[in-house]
Structures are given as structure tokens and as C-alpha cells.
Amino acid sequence: MRNLDRVYVAEVGADNARLLAHESRTAVLAREYRPQDLGGGRVAYSELALGAARELGEEEDGAISDDADGLRVWVGEDAYDLTLSERPAP
């Protein structure tokens, strides 16, 4: 069973955070399934949003990889580490 209180955060830069939260294919999903722009160039993924992003093709912005290099979100050719964090205040 998944822990729905987990949140994963990545430092991606302001432009990429905006792209992931507002322009990626997952940005059009219900709120609980889309990444959240935290400001300051950070983006957050809930467990549900992370699951939705895992469905993206590897060539799509917002694709997730989880391998020996760790859990990462991709924007273009750049990968950003996602780290487990406390849930941000609503």
C-alpha cells in the first residue's frame, strides 16, 4: 500500500517548474495527479502525481526514471533528482 502523504521535491528552476505544473501532459489531470509548482524553482509530486508521471514516455517533459541514479524527473535532456520531503502546506 502506498503512503499518500509522501511528497517528492526537485529543484528544477522556475521555468521548468512552471512547465511541469502547467504545460506538461500531466498538468491537465485532476489536481491530485499533477505536479505542483512550489515557487523558487521547486516542483513537488505527491505519490499519485508521481504515478501519473511514470506513465509518460521517456521523451516527454516530466517523465520519471527510477534506477541506479535515483528517482529523477526529466525536462528535455536534463534530469533532476526527486527527494522525499515533508508535505507542503496547502
C-alpha atoms as a PDB file:
ATOM      1  CA  MET A   1       0.000   0.000   0.000  1.00  0.00           C
ATOM      2  CA  ARG A   2       1.299   3.436  -0.946  1.00  0.00           C
ATOM      3  CA  ASN A   3       1.844   6.218   1.548  1.00  0.00           C
ATOM      4  CA  LEU A   4      -0.295   9.019   0.103  1.00  0.00           C
ATOM      5  CA  ASP A   5       1.299  11.567   2.446  1.00  0.00           C
ATOM      6  CA  ARG A   6       4.703  11.304   0.783  1.00  0.00           C
ATOM      7  CA  VAL A   7       5.859  14.204  -1.372  1.00  0.00           C
ATOM      8  CA  TYR A   8       8.878  14.251  -3.637  1.00  0.00           C
ATOM      9  CA  VAL A   9      10.530  17.583  -4.443  1.00  0.00           C
ATOM     10  CA  ALA A  10      13.032  18.566  -7.142  1.00  0.00           C
ATOM     11  CA  GLU A  11      14.944  21.780  -7.767  1.00  0.00           C
ATOM     12  CA  VAL A  12      14.275  22.286 -11.487  1.00  0.00           C
ATOM     13  CA  GLY A  13      14.411  26.063 -11.971  1.00  0.00           C
ATOM     14  CA  ALA A  14      11.480  28.449 -12.271  1.00  0.00           C
ATOM     15  CA  ASP A  15      10.823  27.913 -15.990  1.00  0.00           C
ATOM     16  CA  ASN A  16      10.876  24.118 -15.691  1.00  0.00           C
ATOM     17  CA  ALA A  17       8.673  24.157 -12.572  1.00  0.00           C
ATOM     18  CA  ARG A  18       6.118  26.239 -14.444  1.00  0.00           C
ATOM     19  CA  LEU A  19       6.330  23.936 -17.480  1.00  0.00           C
ATOM     20  CA  LEU A  20       5.856  20.779 -15.406  1.00  0.00           C
ATOM     21  CA  ALA A  21       2.995  22.191 -13.329  1.00  0.00           C
ATOM     22  CA  HIS A  22       1.119  23.999 -16.089  1.00  0.00           C
ATOM     23  CA  GLU A  23       2.139  22.726 -19.536  1.00  0.00           C
ATOM     24  CA  SER A  24       3.135  19.063 -19.284  1.00  0.00           C
ATOM     25  CA  ARG A  25       0.733  16.299 -20.212  1.00  0.00           C
ATOM     26  CA  THR A  26       0.089  15.554 -16.528  1.00  0.00           C
ATOM     27  CA  ALA A  27      -0.731  19.236 -15.833  1.00  0.00           C
ATOM     28  CA  VAL A  28      -4.233  18.731 -17.261  1.00  0.00           C
ATOM     29  CA  LEU A  29      -5.124  15.911 -14.884  1.00  0.00           C
ATOM     30  CA  ALA A  30      -7.104  16.277 -11.659  1.00  0.00           C
ATOM     31  CA  ARG A  31      -5.184  18.253  -9.033  1.00  0.00           C
ATOM     32  CA  GLU A  32      -4.053  15.243  -7.019  1.00  0.00           C
ATOM     33  CA  TYR A  33      -2.418  13.720 -10.137  1.00  0.00           C
ATOM     34  CA  ARG A  34      -0.397  16.728 -11.305  1.00  0.00           C
ATOM     35  CA  PRO A  35       2.906  18.234 -10.167  1.00  0.00           C
ATOM     36  CA  GLN A  36       2.779  21.353  -8.031  1.00  0.00           C
ATOM     37  CA  ASP A  37       4.957  24.437  -8.597  1.00  0.00           C
ATOM     38  CA  LEU A  38       6.213  25.346  -5.119  1.00  0.00           C
ATOM     39  CA  GLY A  39       7.904  28.549  -6.245  1.00  0.00           C
ATOM     40  CA  GLY A  40      11.614  29.203  -6.047  1.00  0.00           C
ATOM     41  CA  GLY A  41      12.266  26.770  -8.895  1.00  0.00           C
ATOM     42  CA  ARG A  42      10.955  23.756  -6.992  1.00  0.00           C
ATOM     43  CA  VAL A  43       8.303  21.278  -8.060  1.00  0.00           C
ATOM     44  CA  ALA A  44       6.543  18.681  -5.894  1.00  0.00           C
ATOM     45  CA  TYR A  45       4.980  15.334  -6.757  1.00  0.00           C
ATOM     46  CA  SER A  46       2.558  13.516  -4.487  1.00  0.00           C
ATOM     47  CA  GLU A  47       2.510   9.721  -4.693  1.00  0.00           C
ATOM     48  CA  LEU A  48      -0.475   9.988  -7.063  1.00  0.00           C
ATOM     49  CA  ALA A  49       1.241  12.614  -9.243  1.00  0.00           C
ATOM     50  CA  LEU A  50       4.390  10.514  -9.335  1.00  0.00           C
ATOM     51  CA  GLY A  51       2.351   7.529 -10.512  1.00  0.00           C
ATOM     52  CA  ALA A  52       0.739   9.586 -13.273  1.00  0.00           C
ATOM     53  CA  ALA A  53       4.130  10.942 -14.400  1.00  0.00           C
ATOM     54  CA  ARG A  54       5.509   7.391 -14.598  1.00  0.00           C
ATOM     55  CA  GLU A  55       3.020   6.806 -17.429  1.00  0.00           C
ATOM     56  CA  LEU A  56       4.707   9.433 -19.623  1.00  0.00           C
ATOM     57  CA  GLY A  57       7.004   8.322 -22.408  1.00  0.00           C
ATOM     58  CA  GLU A  58      10.703   8.814 -21.761  1.00  0.00           C
ATOM     59  CA  GLU A  59      10.875  11.558 -24.413  1.00  0.00           C
ATOM     60  CA  GLU A  60       8.152  13.648 -22.737  1.00  0.00           C
ATOM     61  CA  ASP A  61       8.841  16.512 -20.327  1.00  0.00           C
ATOM     62  CA  GLY A  62       8.003  15.309 -16.832  1.00  0.00           C
ATOM     63  CA  ALA A  63       8.955  11.679 -17.445  1.00  0.00           C
ATOM     64  CA  ILE A  64      10.171   9.878 -14.324  1.00  0.00           C
ATOM     65  CA  SER A  65      13.097   7.486 -14.083  1.00  0.00           C
ATOM     66  CA  ASP A  66      13.938   5.360 -11.068  1.00  0.00           C
ATOM     67  CA  ASP A  67      17.180   3.472 -11.481  1.00  0.00           C
ATOM     68  CA  ALA A  68      20.705   3.238 -10.067  1.00  0.00           C
ATOM     69  CA  ASP A  69      20.996   7.036 -10.441  1.00  0.00           C
ATOM     70  CA  GLY A  70      17.938   7.518  -8.203  1.00  0.00           C
ATOM     71  CA  LEU A  71      14.439   8.910  -8.651  1.00  0.00           C
ATOM     72  CA  ARG A  72      14.541  11.727 -11.211  1.00  0.00           C
ATOM     73  CA  VAL A  73      12.242  13.896 -13.313  1.00  0.00           C
ATOM     74  CA  TRP A  74      13.274  14.786 -16.851  1.00  0.00           C
ATOM     75  CA  VAL A  75      12.843  18.041 -18.763  1.00  0.00           C
ATOM     76  CA  GLY A  76      14.332  17.790 -22.221  1.00  0.00           C
ATOM     77  CA  GLU A  77      17.803  16.277 -21.851  1.00  0.00           C
ATOM     78  CA  ASP A  78      18.145  17.318 -18.198  1.00  0.00           C
ATOM     79  CA  ALA A  79      17.343  15.133 -15.183  1.00  0.00           C
ATOM     80  CA  TYR A  80      16.584  16.497 -11.712  1.00  0.00           C
ATOM     81  CA  ASP A  81      16.757  14.459  -8.511  1.00  0.00           C
ATOM     82  CA  LEU A  82      13.493  13.987  -6.637  1.00  0.00           C
ATOM     83  CA  THR A  83      13.895  13.694  -2.887  1.00  0.00           C
ATOM     84  CA  LEU A  84      11.394  12.682  -0.267  1.00  0.00           C
ATOM     85  CA  SER A  85      10.191  15.736   1.633  1.00  0.00           C
ATOM     86  CA  GLU A  86       7.513  16.743   4.075  1.00  0.00           C
ATOM     87  CA  ARG A  87       4.138  17.538   2.547  1.00  0.00           C
ATOM     88  CA  PRO A  88       3.989  21.277   1.791  1.00  0.00           C
ATOM     89  CA  ALA A  89       1.249  23.281   3.467  1.00  0.00           C
ATOM     90  CA  PRO A  90      -1.888  23.572   1.281  1.00  0.00           C
END
